[in-house]
Amino acid sequence: MTDSVKTILVIAQDKKTEALRMASGLTLLDDRVQVSVLGDLEDSDAVNEQLEALDFADVVVDRLDPAQAVDMAKLATQVGAADAVYMI
């Protein structure tokens, strides 16, 4: 096993609250975690709690509009640069 830092991209598409929760858990590793949310996030306590945890861990949460070509190009770049991608 290698000791190099990996980049893990979590894409929140269908189960967004669960994707944020998973990303929060991944911050316990020494790897770099990145989150991209496709579309809107619901305004709920569960989502806000996970966003606060990610903010505390210095994880940037990108909010991308799937209808915008520039956002999809950004996502493609993120996927290409990541060592692991989870789409939830």
PDB file of N, CA and C in Angstrom:
ATOM      1  N   MET A   1       0.843  -1.191   0.000  1.00  0.00           N
ATOM      2  CA  MET A   1       0.000   0.000   0.000  1.00  0.00           C
ATOM      3  C   MET A   1       0.879   1.242   0.000  1.00  0.00           C
ATOM      4  N   THR A   2       0.497   2.214  -0.741  1.00  0.00           N
ATOM      5  CA  THR A   2       1.279   3.437  -0.867  1.00  0.00           C
ATOM      6  C   THR A   2       0.843   4.481   0.159  1.00  0.00           C
ATOM      7  N   ASP A   3       1.777   5.333   0.525  1.00  0.00           N
ATOM      8  CA  ASP A   3       1.482   6.378   1.504  1.00  0.00           C
ATOM      9  C   ASP A   3       1.128   7.702   0.852  1.00  0.00           C
ATOM     10  N   SER A   4       1.028   7.747  -0.464  1.00  0.00           N
ATOM     11  CA  SER A   4       0.738   9.004  -1.145  1.00  0.00           C
ATOM     12  C   SER A   4      -0.721   9.416  -0.928  1.00  0.00           C
ATOM     13  N   VAL A   5      -0.927  10.703  -0.905  1.00  0.00           N
ATOM     14  CA  VAL A   5      -2.271  11.252  -0.704  1.00  0.00           C
ATOM     15  C   VAL A   5      -3.062  11.105  -1.994  1.00  0.00           C
ATOM     16  N   LYS A   6      -4.267  10.609  -1.871  1.00  0.00           N
ATOM     17  CA  LYS A   6      -5.164  10.423  -3.012  1.00  0.00           C
ATOM     18  C   LYS A   6      -6.210  11.534  -3.024  1.00  0.00           C
ATOM     19  N   THR A   7      -6.786  11.764  -4.179  1.00  0.00           N
ATOM     20  CA  THR A   7      -7.904  12.692  -4.310  1.00  0.00           C
ATOM     21  C   THR A   7      -9.170  11.881  -4.536  1.00  0.00           C
ATOM     22  N   ILE A   8     -10.147  12.079  -3.655  1.00  0.00           N
ATOM     23  CA  ILE A   8     -11.420  11.372  -3.739  1.00  0.00           C
ATOM     24  C   ILE A   8     -12.504  12.389  -4.079  1.00  0.00           C
ATOM     25  N   LEU A   9     -13.199  12.153  -5.175  1.00  0.00           N
ATOM     26  CA  LEU A   9     -14.290  13.022  -5.599  1.00  0.00           C
ATOM     27  C   LEU A   9     -15.614  12.336  -5.293  1.00  0.00           C
ATOM     28  N   VAL A  10     -16.478  13.031  -4.566  1.00  0.00           N
ATOM     29  CA  VAL A  10     -17.828  12.545  -4.303  1.00  0.00           C
ATOM     30  C   VAL A  10     -18.786  13.415  -5.103  1.00  0.00           C
ATOM     31  N   ILE A  11     -19.548  12.793  -5.990  1.00  0.00           N
ATOM     32  CA  ILE A  11     -20.534  13.515  -6.791  1.00  0.00           C
ATOM     33  C   ILE A  11     -21.909  13.234  -6.202  1.00  0.00           C
ATOM     34  N   ALA A  12     -22.557  14.270  -5.731  1.00  0.00           N
ATOM     35  CA  ALA A  12     -23.897  14.146  -5.137  1.00  0.00           C
ATOM     36  C   ALA A  12     -24.922  14.417  -6.230  1.00  0.00           C
ATOM     37  N   GLN A  13     -25.628  13.365  -6.648  1.00  0.00           N
ATOM     38  CA  GLN A  13     -26.604  13.529  -7.709  1.00  0.00           C
ATOM     39  C   GLN A  13     -28.000  13.124  -7.263  1.00  0.00           C
ATOM     40  N   ASP A  14     -28.187  11.898  -6.830  1.00  0.00           N
ATOM     41  CA  ASP A  14     -29.519  11.409  -6.483  1.00  0.00           C
ATOM     42  C   ASP A  14     -29.789  11.450  -4.980  1.00  0.00           C
ATOM     43  N   LYS A  15     -28.907  10.875  -4.208  1.00  0.00           N
ATOM     44  CA  LYS A  15     -29.046  10.846  -2.743  1.00  0.00           C
ATOM     45  C   LYS A  15     -28.042  11.832  -2.155  1.00  0.00           C
ATOM     46  N   LYS A  16     -28.367  13.091  -2.258  1.00  0.00           N
ATOM     47  CA  LYS A  16     -27.408  14.146  -1.938  1.00  0.00           C
ATOM     48  C   LYS A  16     -27.036  14.195  -0.465  1.00  0.00           C
ATOM     49  N   THR A  17     -28.004  14.020   0.420  1.00  0.00           N
ATOM     50  CA  THR A  17     -27.694  14.046   1.851  1.00  0.00           C
ATOM     51  C   THR A  17     -26.748  12.900   2.194  1.00  0.00           C
ATOM     52  N   GLU A  18     -27.016  11.725   1.642  1.00  0.00           N
ATOM     53  CA  GLU A  18     -26.150  10.570   1.888  1.00  0.00           C
ATOM     54  C   GLU A  18     -24.763  10.794   1.300  1.00  0.00           C
ATOM     55  N   ALA A  19     -24.680  11.426   0.147  1.00  0.00           N
ATOM     56  CA  ALA A  19     -23.382  11.721  -0.471  1.00  0.00           C
ATOM     57  C   ALA A  19     -22.573  12.669   0.413  1.00  0.00           C
ATOM     58  N   LEU A  20     -23.227  13.676   0.968  1.00  0.00           N
ATOM     59  CA  LEU A  20     -22.532  14.602   1.862  1.00  0.00           C
ATOM     60  C   LEU A  20     -22.070  13.887   3.125  1.00  0.00           C
ATOM     61  N   ARG A  21     -22.902  13.004   3.660  1.00  0.00           N
ATOM     62  CA  ARG A  21     -22.549  12.234   4.852  1.00  0.00           C
ATOM     63  C   ARG A  21     -21.338  11.348   4.563  1.00  0.00           C
ATOM     64  N   MET A  22     -21.344  10.720   3.408  1.00  0.00           N
ATOM     65  CA  MET A  22     -20.225   9.864   3.020  1.00  0.00           C
ATOM     66  C   MET A  22     -18.939  10.681   2.874  1.00  0.00           C
ATOM     67  N   ALA A  23     -19.040  11.829   2.249  1.00  0.00           N
ATOM     68  CA  ALA A  23     -17.877  12.697   2.080  1.00  0.00           C
ATOM     69  C   ALA A  23     -17.334  13.138   3.435  1.00  0.00           C
ATOM     70  N   SER A  24     -18.235  13.427   4.370  1.00  0.00           N
ATOM     71  CA  SER A  24     -17.795  13.808   5.723  1.00  0.00           C
ATOM     72  C   SER A  24     -16.996  12.678   6.353  1.00  0.00           C
ATOM     73  N   GLY A  25     -17.469  11.451   6.184  1.00  0.00           N
ATOM     74  CA  GLY A  25     -16.751  10.306   6.726  1.00  0.00           C
ATOM     75  C   GLY A  25     -15.397  10.101   6.075  1.00  0.00           C
ATOM     76  N   LEU A  26     -15.302  10.378   4.796  1.00  0.00           N
ATOM     77  CA  LEU A  26     -14.034  10.213   4.085  1.00  0.00           C
ATOM     78  C   LEU A  26     -12.967  11.201   4.552  1.00  0.00           C
ATOM     79  N   THR A  27     -13.381  12.285   5.200  1.00  0.00           N
ATOM     80  CA  THR A  27     -12.399  13.259   5.693  1.00  0.00           C
ATOM     81  C   THR A  27     -11.564  12.683   6.828  1.00  0.00           C
ATOM     82  N   LEU A  28     -11.985  11.550   7.391  1.00  0.00           N
ATOM     83  CA  LEU A  28     -11.207  10.912   8.457  1.00  0.00           C
ATOM     84  C   LEU A  28      -9.933  10.274   7.913  1.00  0.00           C
ATOM     85  N   LEU A  29      -9.897  10.048   6.614  1.00  0.00           N
ATOM     86  CA  LEU A  29      -8.690   9.537   5.975  1.00  0.00           C
ATOM     87  C   LEU A  29      -7.712  10.685   5.767  1.00  0.00           C
ATOM     88  N   ASP A  30      -6.518  10.367   5.366  1.00  0.00           N
ATOM     89  CA  ASP A  30      -5.531  11.415   5.081  1.00  0.00           C
ATOM     90  C   ASP A  30      -5.597  11.888   3.644  1.00  0.00           C
ATOM     91  N   ASP A  31      -6.601  11.414   2.903  1.00  0.00           N
ATOM     92  CA  ASP A  31      -6.732  11.786   1.504  1.00  0.00           C
ATOM     93  C   ASP A  31      -7.494  13.099   1.347  1.00  0.00           C
ATOM     94  N   ARG A  32      -7.369  13.676   0.163  1.00  0.00           N
ATOM     95  CA  ARG A  32      -8.064  14.927  -0.166  1.00  0.00           C
ATOM     96  C   ARG A  32      -9.459  14.579  -0.661  1.00  0.00           C
ATOM     97  N   VAL A  33     -10.472  15.195  -0.047  1.00  0.00           N
ATOM     98  CA  VAL A  33     -11.860  14.938  -0.423  1.00  0.00           C
ATOM     99  C   VAL A  33     -12.409  16.168  -1.127  1.00  0.00           C
ATOM    100  N   GLN A  34     -13.126  15.937  -2.203  1.00  0.00           N
ATOM    101  CA  GLN A  34     -13.729  16.987  -3.004  1.00  0.00           C
ATOM    102  C   GLN A  34     -15.182  16.588  -3.243  1.00  0.00           C
ATOM    103  N   VAL A  35     -16.096  17.555  -3.189  1.00  0.00           N
ATOM    104  CA  VAL A  35     -17.512  17.266  -3.382  1.00  0.00           C
ATOM    105  C   VAL A  35     -18.074  18.158  -4.481  1.00  0.00           C
ATOM    106  N   SER A  36     -18.810  17.544  -5.403  1.00  0.00           N
ATOM    107  CA  SER A  36     -19.548  18.293  -6.420  1.00  0.00           C
ATOM    108  C   SER A  36     -21.014  17.890  -6.335  1.00  0.00           C
ATOM    109  N   VAL A  37     -21.874  18.873  -6.164  1.00  0.00           N
ATOM    110  CA  VAL A  37     -23.311  18.646  -6.061  1.00  0.00           C
ATOM    111  C   VAL A  37     -23.940  19.043  -7.389  1.00  0.00           C
ATOM    112  N   LEU A  38     -24.665  18.105  -8.005  1.00  0.00           N
ATOM    113  CA  LEU A  38     -25.355  18.396  -9.255  1.00  0.00           C
ATOM    114  C   LEU A  38     -26.768  18.875  -8.940  1.00  0.00           C
ATOM    115  N   GLY A  39     -27.049  20.122  -9.253  1.00  0.00           N
ATOM    116  CA  GLY A  39     -28.365  20.682  -8.978  1.00  0.00           C
ATOM    117  C   GLY A  39     -28.449  21.280  -7.577  1.00  0.00           C
ATOM    118  N   ASP A  40     -29.682  21.427  -7.110  1.00  0.00           N
ATOM    119  CA  ASP A  40     -29.930  22.081  -5.826  1.00  0.00           C
ATOM    120  C   ASP A  40     -29.810  21.117  -4.658  1.00  0.00           C
ATOM    121  N   LEU A  41     -29.540  21.701  -3.491  1.00  0.00           N
ATOM    122  CA  LEU A  41     -29.571  20.965  -2.233  1.00  0.00           C
ATOM    123  C   LEU A  41     -30.801  21.399  -1.455  1.00  0.00           C
ATOM    124  N   GLU A  42     -31.447  20.443  -0.805  1.00  0.00           N
ATOM    125  CA  GLU A  42     -32.600  20.809   0.019  1.00  0.00           C
ATOM    126  C   GLU A  42     -32.113  21.576   1.248  1.00  0.00           C
ATOM    127  N   ASP A  43     -32.942  22.447   1.743  1.00  0.00           N
ATOM    128  CA  ASP A  43     -32.621  23.206   2.944  1.00  0.00           C
ATOM    129  C   ASP A  43     -33.185  22.443   4.139  1.00  0.00           C
ATOM    130  N   SER A  44     -32.349  21.568   4.705  1.00  0.00           N
ATOM    131  CA  SER A  44     -32.784  20.757   5.837  1.00  0.00           C
ATOM    132  C   SER A  44     -31.677  20.713   6.880  1.00  0.00           C
ATOM    133  N   ASP A  45     -32.052  20.315   8.080  1.00  0.00           N
ATOM    134  CA  ASP A  45     -31.069  20.202   9.154  1.00  0.00           C
ATOM    135  C   ASP A  45     -29.994  19.174   8.806  1.00  0.00           C
ATOM    136  N   ALA A  46     -30.400  18.058   8.199  1.00  0.00           N
ATOM    137  CA  ALA A  46     -29.452  16.999   7.851  1.00  0.00           C
ATOM    138  C   ALA A  46     -28.409  17.503   6.849  1.00  0.00           C
ATOM    139  N   VAL A  47     -28.851  18.216   5.838  1.00  0.00           N
ATOM    140  CA  VAL A  47     -27.926  18.756   4.834  1.00  0.00           C
ATOM    141  C   VAL A  47     -27.025  19.813   5.466  1.00  0.00           C
ATOM    142  N   ASN A  48     -27.607  20.712   6.239  1.00  0.00           N
ATOM    143  CA  ASN A  48     -26.817  21.767   6.871  1.00  0.00           C
ATOM    144  C   ASN A  48     -25.768  21.209   7.823  1.00  0.00           C
ATOM    145  N   GLU A  49     -26.110  20.155   8.535  1.00  0.00           N
ATOM    146  CA  GLU A  49     -25.156  19.511   9.445  1.00  0.00           C
ATOM    147  C   GLU A  49     -23.957  18.963   8.678  1.00  0.00           C
ATOM    148  N   GLN A  50     -24.213  18.312   7.556  1.00  0.00           N
ATOM    149  CA  GLN A  50     -23.124  17.753   6.755  1.00  0.00           C
ATOM    150  C   GLN A  50     -22.287  18.858   6.101  1.00  0.00           C
ATOM    151  N   LEU A  51     -22.942  19.917   5.650  1.00  0.00           N
ATOM    152  CA  LEU A  51     -22.202  21.043   5.061  1.00  0.00           C
ATOM    153  C   LEU A  51     -21.290  21.698   6.094  1.00  0.00           C
ATOM    154  N   GLU A  52     -21.760  21.804   7.328  1.00  0.00           N
ATOM    155  CA  GLU A  52     -20.930  22.365   8.404  1.00  0.00           C
ATOM    156  C   GLU A  52     -19.731  21.468   8.680  1.00  0.00           C
ATOM    157  N   ALA A  53     -19.951  20.159   8.701  1.00  0.00           N
ATOM    158  CA  ALA A  53     -18.851  19.219   8.943  1.00  0.00           C
ATOM    159  C   ALA A  53     -17.818  19.304   7.823  1.00  0.00           C
ATOM    160  N   LEU A  54     -18.280  19.390   6.590  1.00  0.00           N
ATOM    161  CA  LEU A  54     -17.359  19.507   5.461  1.00  0.00           C
ATOM    162  C   LEU A  54     -16.608  20.828   5.496  1.00  0.00           C
ATOM    163  N   ASP A  55     -17.287  21.892   5.858  1.00  0.00           N
ATOM    164  CA  ASP A  55     -16.634  23.195   5.981  1.00  0.00           C
ATOM    165  C   ASP A  55     -15.553  23.142   7.066  1.00  0.00           C
ATOM    166  N   PHE A  56     -15.860  22.509   8.183  1.00  0.00           N
ATOM    167  CA  PHE A  56     -14.896  22.360   9.280  1.00  0.00           C
ATOM    168  C   PHE A  56     -13.659  21.601   8.814  1.00  0.00           C
ATOM    169  N   ALA A  57     -13.854  20.633   7.928  1.00  0.00           N
ATOM    170  CA  ALA A  57     -12.744  19.837   7.409  1.00  0.00           C
ATOM    171  C   ALA A  57     -12.078  20.491   6.191  1.00  0.00           C
ATOM    172  N   ASP A  58     -12.473  21.708   5.883  1.00  0.00           N
ATOM    173  CA  ASP A  58     -11.921  22.464   4.741  1.00  0.00           C
ATOM    174  C   ASP A  58     -12.147  21.774   3.403  1.00  0.00           C
ATOM    175  N   VAL A  59     -13.308  21.135   3.263  1.00  0.00           N
ATOM    176  CA  VAL A  59     -13.692  20.503   2.002  1.00  0.00           C
ATOM    177  C   VAL A  59     -14.576  21.490   1.239  1.00  0.00           C
ATOM    178  N   VAL A  60     -14.163  21.822   0.042  1.00  0.00           N
ATOM    179  CA  VAL A  60     -14.939  22.719  -0.796  1.00  0.00           C
ATOM    180  C   VAL A  60     -16.067  21.920  -1.446  1.00  0.00           C
ATOM    181  N   VAL A  61     -17.276  22.453  -1.365  1.00  0.00           N
ATOM    182  CA  VAL A  61     -18.433  21.823  -1.986  1.00  0.00           C
ATOM    183  C   VAL A  61     -18.814  22.661  -3.200  1.00  0.00           C
ATOM    184  N   ASP A  62     -18.574  22.102  -4.388  1.00  0.00           N
ATOM    185  CA  ASP A  62     -18.937  22.790  -5.629  1.00  0.00           C
ATOM    186  C   ASP A  62     -20.388  22.476  -5.957  1.00  0.00           C
ATOM    187  N   ARG A  63     -21.148  23.489  -6.260  1.00  0.00           N
ATOM    188  CA  ARG A  63     -22.537  23.300  -6.686  1.00  0.00           C
ATOM    189  C   ARG A  63     -22.590  23.556  -8.184  1.00  0.00           C
ATOM    190  N   LEU A  64     -22.930  22.525  -8.915  1.00  0.00           N
ATOM    191  CA  LEU A  64     -22.887  22.582 -10.373  1.00  0.00           C
ATOM    192  C   LEU A  64     -24.284  22.440 -10.959  1.00  0.00           C
ATOM    193  N   ASP A  65     -24.523  23.196 -12.005  1.00  0.00           N
ATOM    194  CA  ASP A  65     -25.796  23.133 -12.724  1.00  0.00           C
ATOM    195  C   ASP A  65     -25.610  22.218 -13.936  1.00  0.00           C
ATOM    196  N   PRO A  66     -26.285  21.062 -13.942  1.00  0.00           N
ATOM    197  CA  PRO A  66     -26.098  20.130 -15.061  1.00  0.00           C
ATOM    198  C   PRO A  66     -26.501  20.696 -16.419  1.00  0.00           C
ATOM    199  N   ALA A  67     -27.261  21.783 -16.438  1.00  0.00           N
ATOM    200  CA  ALA A  67     -27.687  22.395 -17.696  1.00  0.00           C
ATOM    201  C   ALA A  67     -26.629  23.342 -18.264  1.00  0.00           C
ATOM    202  N   GLN A  68     -25.590  23.612 -17.492  1.00  0.00           N
ATOM    203  CA  GLN A  68     -24.548  24.548 -17.920  1.00  0.00           C
ATOM    204  C   GLN A  68     -23.314  23.794 -18.412  1.00  0.00           C
ATOM    205  N   ALA A  69     -22.935  24.036 -19.640  1.00  0.00           N
ATOM    206  CA  ALA A  69     -21.783  23.346 -20.225  1.00  0.00           C
ATOM    207  C   ALA A  69     -20.503  23.614 -19.442  1.00  0.00           C
ATOM    208  N   VAL A  70     -20.336  24.817 -18.953  1.00  0.00           N
ATOM    209  CA  VAL A  70     -19.122  25.161 -18.204  1.00  0.00           C
ATOM    210  C   VAL A  70     -19.045  24.345 -16.915  1.00  0.00           C
ATOM    211  N   ASP A  71     -20.160  24.117 -16.256  1.00  0.00           N
ATOM    212  CA  ASP A  71     -20.180  23.310 -15.037  1.00  0.00           C
ATOM    213  C   ASP A  71     -19.881  21.846 -15.336  1.00  0.00           C
ATOM    214  N   MET A  72     -20.406  21.338 -16.452  1.00  0.00           N
ATOM    215  CA  MET A  72     -20.145  19.951 -16.817  1.00  0.00           C
ATOM    216  C   MET A  72     -18.690  19.768 -17.251  1.00  0.00           C
ATOM    217  N   ALA A  73     -18.103  20.793 -17.852  1.00  0.00           N
ATOM    218  CA  ALA A  73     -16.690  20.731 -18.204  1.00  0.00           C
ATOM    219  C   ALA A  73     -15.836  20.714 -16.936  1.00  0.00           C
ATOM    220  N   LYS A  74     -16.243  21.488 -15.940  1.00  0.00           N
ATOM    221  CA  LYS A  74     -15.536  21.494 -14.657  1.00  0.00           C
ATOM    222  C   LYS A  74     -15.619  20.121 -14.008  1.00  0.00           C
ATOM    223  N   LEU A  75     -16.796  19.503 -14.039  1.00  0.00           N
ATOM    224  CA  LEU A  75     -16.971  18.167 -13.475  1.00  0.00           C
ATOM    225  C   LEU A  75     -16.099  17.151 -14.201  1.00  0.00           C
ATOM    226  N   ALA A  76     -16.042  17.239 -15.514  1.00  0.00           N
ATOM    227  CA  ALA A  76     -15.211  16.325 -16.294  1.00  0.00           C
ATOM    228  C   ALA A  76     -13.741  16.458 -15.903  1.00  0.00           C
ATOM    229  N   THR A  77     -13.296  17.662 -15.669  1.00  0.00           N
ATOM    230  CA  THR A  77     -11.920  17.897 -15.238  1.00  0.00           C
ATOM    231  C   THR A  77     -11.684  17.296 -13.859  1.00  0.00           C
ATOM    232  N   GLN A  78     -12.655  17.474 -12.952  1.00  0.00           N
ATOM    233  CA  GLN A  78     -12.534  16.913 -11.611  1.00  0.00           C
ATOM    234  C   GLN A  78     -12.468  15.386 -11.654  1.00  0.00           C
ATOM    235  N   VAL A  79     -13.328  14.772 -12.463  1.00  0.00           N
ATOM    236  CA  VAL A  79     -13.337  13.312 -12.580  1.00  0.00           C
ATOM    237  C   VAL A  79     -11.996  12.824 -13.122  1.00  0.00           C
ATOM    238  N   GLY A  80     -11.488  13.503 -14.122  1.00  0.00           N
ATOM    239  CA  GLY A  80     -10.211  13.107 -14.711  1.00  0.00           C
ATOM    240  C   GLY A  80      -9.041  13.229 -13.755  1.00  0.00           C
ATOM    241  N   ALA A  81      -9.106  14.180 -12.841  1.00  0.00           N
ATOM    242  CA  ALA A  81      -8.004  14.417 -11.905  1.00  0.00           C
ATOM    243  C   ALA A  81      -8.094  13.567 -10.643  1.00  0.00           C
ATOM    244  N   ALA A  82      -9.252  12.982 -10.369  1.00  0.00           N
ATOM    245  CA  ALA A  82      -9.459  12.224  -9.126  1.00  0.00           C
ATOM    246  C   ALA A  82      -8.873  10.816  -9.223  1.00  0.00           C
ATOM    247  N   ASP A  83      -8.431  10.318  -8.087  1.00  0.00           N
ATOM    248  CA  ASP A  83      -7.960   8.932  -7.998  1.00  0.00           C
ATOM    249  C   ASP A  83      -9.123   7.966  -7.795  1.00  0.00           C
ATOM    250  N   ALA A  84     -10.192   8.464  -7.162  1.00  0.00           N
ATOM    251  CA  ALA A  84     -11.402   7.657  -6.938  1.00  0.00           C
ATOM    252  C   ALA A  84     -12.599   8.575  -7.047  1.00  0.00           C
ATOM    253  N   VAL A  85     -13.674   8.061  -7.648  1.00  0.00           N
ATOM    254  CA  VAL A  85     -14.894   8.846  -7.825  1.00  0.00           C
ATOM    255  C   VAL A  85     -16.056   8.024  -7.314  1.00  0.00           C
ATOM    256  N   TYR A  86     -16.869   8.646  -6.449  1.00  0.00           N
ATOM    257  CA  TYR A  86     -18.109   8.039  -5.969  1.00  0.00           C
ATOM    258  C   TYR A  86     -19.254   8.909  -6.439  1.00  0.00           C
ATOM    259  N   MET A  87     -20.214   8.316  -7.124  1.00  0.00           N
ATOM    260  CA  MET A  87     -21.388   9.058  -7.579  1.00  0.00           C
ATOM    261  C   MET A  87     -22.592   8.491  -6.864  1.00  0.00           C
ATOM    262  N   ILE A  88     -23.173   9.319  -6.021  1.00  0.00           N
ATOM    263  CA  ILE A  88     -24.279   8.865  -5.180  1.00  0.00           C
ATOM    264  C   ILE A  88     -25.532   9.634  -5.533  1.00  0.00           C
TER     265      ILE A  88
END
